[in-house]
Amino acid sequence: MLICPVCKKKLIKENKTFRCENNHSFDCAKQGYVNLSRKQTKNHGDNALMVKARTDFLEKDYYDFMRQYVKRKANGSIYLDAGCGQGYYTKEIGTNFEHSYGIDLSKEAILHASKQDKHTQYIVGSLFDMPFLDESIDCVTSIFVPLGQD
C-alpha cells in the first residue's frame, strides 16, 4: 500500500520499520506514526499550540453532525484521510474500514492523532507527493484542507 518517498518502490513493514527493496528505511515513532516527508524541516504544518487550539475546539463536537454524516457515507476496506490534522475525523470514520490511513504535513498534529487512535496508520507527509500505490485506496476524505501547495 505505502511506497518509498525516495524511489517509489513498495514499502514493507517489518516490526516497527517500513523498508523498500532498495533498503530505504523509515522507523515508526514510539507513538506509531511514520515520517515519510521528504522535507525534514521543523516548521511545516501546524505547531503544537495550533494543534491544541484546534483540538480544544473540535472536542466540543460542533462538527460531529458532519463527521457522522461522512462516516455513514464512507465505505470500502481501505480509507485515507488526506490532510487529517489531529485525527478528529479520521478516528471516527476509520472505524468503518479494515485499514485506515491519515496523512498530514504537521508532525505535531500526527503525533496527537497517533496517540488517540491506534487503528489508523498515521503518516507525516505531503498531499502533493502521497506515498501510496496507485489505485490502492477505496475511500478518501479531505475535510477543510487548503488547496495550495506546501
Protein backbone atom coordinates (compact mmCIF):
# COMPACT_ATOMS: atom_id res chain seq x y z
CA MET A 1 0.00 0.00 0.00
CA LEU A 2 2.70 2.52 1.01
CA ILE A 3 5.55 3.48 -1.30
CA CYS A 4 9.02 4.80 -0.56
CA PRO A 5 9.24 8.59 -0.88
CA VAL A 6 12.78 8.22 -2.28
CA CYS A 7 12.50 5.54 -5.00
CA LYS A 8 8.70 4.95 -5.19
CA LYS A 9 9.04 1.18 -4.57
CA LYS A 10 6.58 -0.62 -2.29
CA LEU A 11 7.27 -0.33 1.44
CA ILE A 12 7.00 -3.44 3.59
CA LYS A 13 6.51 -3.12 7.34
CA GLU A 14 8.94 -5.23 9.37
CA ASN A 15 8.26 -4.84 13.08
CA LYS A 16 8.42 -1.04 13.56
CA THR A 17 10.24 -0.19 10.33
CA PHE A 18 9.00 0.39 6.79
CA ARG A 19 11.59 -0.71 4.21
CA CYS A 20 11.68 -0.85 0.39
CA GLU A 21 13.59 -3.23 -1.89
CA ASN A 22 16.33 -0.58 -2.24
CA ASN A 23 16.81 -0.71 1.54
CA HIS A 24 15.50 2.79 2.25
CA SER A 25 14.03 2.52 5.73
CA PHE A 26 11.66 4.60 7.84
CA ASP A 27 11.21 3.86 11.52
CA CYS A 28 7.90 4.27 13.29
CA ALA A 29 7.92 6.63 16.25
CA LYS A 30 7.03 5.12 19.63
CA GLN A 31 3.52 6.57 19.15
CA GLY A 32 3.15 4.50 15.94
CA TYR A 33 3.30 7.12 13.18
CA VAL A 34 5.90 7.14 10.41
CA ASN A 35 7.55 10.19 8.86
CA LEU A 36 7.63 9.83 5.06
CA SER A 37 8.06 13.52 4.35
CA ARG A 38 10.91 14.40 2.02
CA LYS A 39 11.14 17.80 3.73
CA GLN A 40 12.71 17.29 7.13
CA THR A 41 12.35 20.83 8.48
CA LYS A 42 10.57 21.58 11.73
CA ASN A 43 8.22 24.35 10.58
CA HIS A 44 5.79 22.53 8.29
CA GLY A 45 2.12 22.45 9.15
CA ASP A 46 0.54 23.34 12.45
CA ASN A 47 2.71 23.75 15.53
CA ALA A 48 1.83 22.28 18.95
CA LEU A 49 -0.09 25.37 20.06
CA MET A 50 -2.19 25.38 16.89
CA VAL A 51 -2.92 21.64 17.25
CA LYS A 52 -4.03 22.14 20.85
CA ALA A 53 -6.30 25.07 19.94
CA ARG A 54 -7.94 23.13 17.09
CA THR A 55 -8.32 20.03 19.26
CA ASP A 56 -9.92 22.02 22.08
CA PHE A 57 -12.43 23.44 19.60
CA LEU A 58 -13.19 20.17 17.79
CA GLU A 59 -13.64 18.24 21.04
CA LYS A 60 -16.70 20.39 21.70
CA ASP A 61 -18.23 18.40 18.79
CA TYR A 62 -19.63 21.34 16.84
CA TYR A 63 -18.78 19.33 13.69
CA ASP A 64 -19.87 15.91 14.94
CA PHE A 65 -23.01 16.04 12.76
CA MET A 66 -20.77 16.27 9.68
CA ARG A 67 -18.35 13.62 10.94
CA GLN A 68 -21.24 11.20 11.48
CA TYR A 69 -22.73 12.02 8.06
CA VAL A 70 -19.43 11.30 6.29
CA LYS A 71 -18.98 8.13 8.36
CA ARG A 72 -22.37 6.83 7.18
CA LYS A 73 -21.48 7.52 3.52
CA ALA A 74 -17.89 6.19 3.59
CA ASN A 75 -17.34 2.56 2.63
CA GLY A 76 -14.75 0.10 1.35
CA SER A 77 -11.87 -1.61 3.11
CA ILE A 78 -9.07 0.97 2.79
CA TYR A 79 -9.56 4.58 3.92
CA LEU A 80 -7.32 7.64 3.64
CA ASP A 81 -7.87 10.99 5.34
CA ALA A 82 -5.74 13.39 3.29
CA GLY A 83 -4.85 16.34 5.49
CA CYS A 84 -6.05 14.56 8.62
CA GLY A 85 -4.70 17.08 11.13
CA GLN A 86 -5.07 15.79 14.67
CA GLY A 87 -7.36 12.94 13.56
CA TYR A 88 -10.78 14.22 14.68
CA TYR A 89 -12.50 12.88 11.54
CA THR A 90 -10.02 10.07 10.84
CA LYS A 91 -10.50 8.22 14.11
CA GLU A 92 -14.30 8.08 13.79
CA ILE A 93 -14.59 7.44 10.04
CA GLY A 94 -11.70 4.96 10.06
CA THR A 95 -13.67 2.57 12.27
CA ASN A 96 -15.72 1.68 9.14
CA PHE A 97 -12.62 0.28 7.42
CA GLU A 98 -10.28 -2.65 7.78
CA HIS A 99 -7.29 -0.36 7.07
CA SER A 100 -7.20 3.34 7.85
CA TYR A 101 -4.52 5.92 7.00
CA GLY A 102 -4.14 9.57 7.92
CA ILE A 103 -1.57 11.85 6.33
CA ASP A 104 -0.65 15.41 7.24
CA LEU A 105 2.36 17.69 6.91
CA SER A 106 2.22 18.65 10.59
CA LYS A 107 4.31 16.33 12.75
CA GLU A 108 2.64 17.81 15.85
CA ALA A 109 -0.84 17.01 14.52
CA ILE A 110 0.19 13.47 13.54
CA LEU A 111 1.78 12.96 16.96
CA HIS A 112 -1.51 13.91 18.64
CA ALA A 113 -3.58 11.75 16.28
CA SER A 114 -1.41 8.66 16.70
CA LYS A 115 -1.68 8.86 20.48
CA GLN A 116 -5.51 8.91 20.26
CA ASP A 117 -6.09 6.32 17.52
CA LYS A 118 -4.22 3.01 17.31
CA HIS A 119 -6.38 1.64 14.46
CA THR A 120 -5.04 4.16 11.93
CA GLN A 121 -1.55 4.29 10.45
CA TYR A 122 -0.63 7.97 10.64
CA ILE A 123 1.95 9.42 8.28
CA VAL A 124 3.85 12.71 8.23
CA GLY A 125 3.89 13.58 4.55
CA SER A 126 2.75 15.88 1.78
CA LEU A 127 -0.58 15.68 -0.02
CA PHE A 128 1.30 16.65 -3.19
CA ASP A 129 3.58 13.59 -3.06
CA MET A 130 1.49 10.97 -1.29
CA PRO A 131 3.23 7.67 -0.52
CA PHE A 132 0.53 5.27 -1.77
CA LEU A 133 0.41 2.77 -4.61
CA ASP A 134 -1.86 3.84 -7.45
CA GLU A 135 -5.48 2.68 -7.09
CA SER A 136 -4.85 1.30 -3.59
CA ILE A 137 -7.36 3.40 -1.63
CA ASP A 138 -11.12 2.77 -1.63
CA CYS A 139 -12.25 5.96 0.07
CA VAL A 140 -10.53 9.33 0.52
CA THR A 141 -11.68 12.29 2.57
CA SER A 142 -10.06 15.70 2.69
CA ILE A 143 -12.08 17.85 5.07
CA PHE A 144 -11.29 21.57 5.45
CA VAL A 145 -7.90 21.18 3.77
CA PRO A 146 -6.40 24.18 1.94
CA LEU A 147 -5.77 23.52 -1.75
CA GLY A 148 -2.42 25.38 -2.04
CA GLN A 149 0.95 23.67 -2.36
CA ASP A 150 3.11 23.12 0.75
